[in-house]
Amino acid sequence: MDYQDKSLQCSDCGATFTFSAEDQEFFHSKGYTNEPKRCPSCRQARKTERNGSSGYGARRQMFPAVCAECGKDTQVPFEPRGDRPVYCSDCYRSKVR
């Protein structure tokens, strides 16, 4: 199939972007039947938004806690609820082994 560059308008920001012949060929090879609705930067922003802060390289929110085993102040990647014990990384490793 012979593809030619197309100018499309982004549904989010309204900017005009080029849907290149190479991109069209790629879309066709993946079985996509619709043209993209968003420009590359809006597509990336939406992907980042959809993945939240769990994306590669994102810092995880940490919460303060007191270890139920040794009493040491620590931080954990979840909010302690108070109904279950929370352990520092050293005590947790010793319990898992």
Protein backbone atom coordinates (compact mmCIF):
# COMPACT_ATOMS: atom_id res chain seq x y z
CA MET A 1 0.00 0.00 0.00
CA ASP A 2 1.30 3.48 -0.83
CA TYR A 3 1.08 5.91 2.11
CA GLN A 4 1.47 9.69 2.05
CA ASP A 5 1.94 12.12 4.93
CA LYS A 6 -1.33 13.56 6.27
CA SER A 7 -2.01 16.60 8.42
CA LEU A 8 -4.35 15.87 11.32
CA GLN A 9 -5.75 18.03 14.10
CA CYS A 10 -5.25 16.96 17.75
CA SER A 11 -8.52 16.41 19.61
CA ASP A 12 -6.95 17.58 22.89
CA CYS A 13 -4.90 20.70 22.10
CA GLY A 14 -6.13 21.49 18.59
CA ALA A 15 -2.62 21.61 17.11
CA THR A 16 -1.98 20.30 13.61
CA PHE A 17 0.41 17.37 13.43
CA THR A 18 1.73 15.13 10.67
CA PHE A 19 0.67 11.50 10.45
CA SER A 20 3.67 10.37 8.46
CA ALA A 21 3.68 7.64 5.83
CA GLU A 22 5.97 5.60 8.08
CA ASP A 23 3.55 5.97 11.02
CA GLN A 24 0.64 4.99 8.78
CA GLU A 25 2.51 1.88 7.67
CA PHE A 26 3.29 1.03 11.31
CA PHE A 27 -0.38 1.50 12.31
CA HIS A 28 -1.44 -0.76 9.44
CA SER A 29 1.10 -3.45 10.44
CA LYS A 30 -0.32 -3.44 13.99
CA GLY A 31 -3.86 -3.83 12.67
CA TYR A 32 -4.98 -0.36 13.77
CA THR A 33 -7.83 0.92 11.60
CA ASN A 34 -8.26 4.42 13.06
CA GLU A 35 -5.97 7.39 12.62
CA PRO A 36 -4.50 8.89 15.82
CA LYS A 37 -6.70 11.55 17.45
CA ARG A 38 -3.91 13.15 19.49
CA CYS A 39 -0.57 14.73 18.58
CA PRO A 40 2.55 12.94 19.86
CA SER A 41 2.96 15.22 22.91
CA CYS A 42 -0.70 14.84 23.96
CA ARG A 43 -0.43 11.07 23.38
CA GLN A 44 2.61 10.93 25.68
CA ALA A 45 0.90 13.09 28.31
CA ARG A 46 -2.17 10.83 28.25
CA LYS A 47 -0.01 7.72 28.55
CA THR A 48 1.82 9.21 31.53
CA GLU A 49 -1.49 10.22 33.12
CA ARG A 50 -2.91 6.73 32.56
CA ASN A 51 0.13 5.05 34.11
CA GLY A 52 0.09 7.39 37.08
CA SER A 53 3.20 7.74 39.21
CA SER A 54 4.03 4.06 38.90
CA GLY A 55 5.95 4.64 35.68
CA TYR A 56 9.59 3.76 35.29
CA GLY A 57 11.83 6.06 37.30
CA ALA A 58 8.97 7.60 39.26
CA ARG A 59 9.53 8.06 42.97
CA ARG A 60 7.22 6.10 45.19
CA GLN A 61 5.41 7.85 48.02
CA MET A 62 6.65 6.61 51.39
CA PHE A 63 4.83 6.71 54.73
CA PRO A 64 6.33 6.90 58.23
CA ALA A 65 5.89 3.88 60.50
CA VAL A 66 7.31 2.26 63.62
CA CYS A 67 8.58 -1.30 63.28
CA ALA A 68 6.43 -3.74 65.25
CA GLU A 69 9.49 -5.95 65.89
CA CYS A 70 12.35 -3.63 66.90
CA GLY A 71 10.53 -0.29 67.45
CA LYS A 72 12.74 1.55 64.96
CA ASP A 73 11.30 4.46 62.95
CA THR A 74 11.05 3.47 59.31
CA GLN A 75 9.29 4.31 56.07
CA VAL A 76 7.10 1.97 54.04
CA PRO A 77 5.59 2.26 50.51
CA PHE A 78 2.01 1.96 51.79
CA GLU A 79 -0.08 3.77 54.36
CA PRO A 80 -0.20 1.71 57.56
CA ARG A 81 -3.78 1.07 58.67
CA GLY A 82 -3.01 0.14 62.25
CA ASP A 83 -4.75 -3.26 62.17
CA ARG A 84 -1.63 -5.17 61.02
CA PRO A 85 2.02 -5.02 62.08
CA VAL A 86 4.50 -3.05 60.01
CA TYR A 87 8.18 -4.00 59.92
CA CYS A 88 11.37 -2.20 58.98
CA SER A 89 13.21 -3.70 56.02
CA ASP A 90 15.67 -5.62 58.25
CA CYS A 91 12.96 -7.23 60.37
CA TYR A 92 10.82 -7.93 57.31
CA ARG A 93 13.71 -9.74 55.60
CA SER A 94 14.30 -11.88 58.70
CA LYS A 95 10.60 -12.86 58.82
CA VAL A 96 10.38 -13.74 55.10
CA ARG A 97 13.36 -16.09 55.11
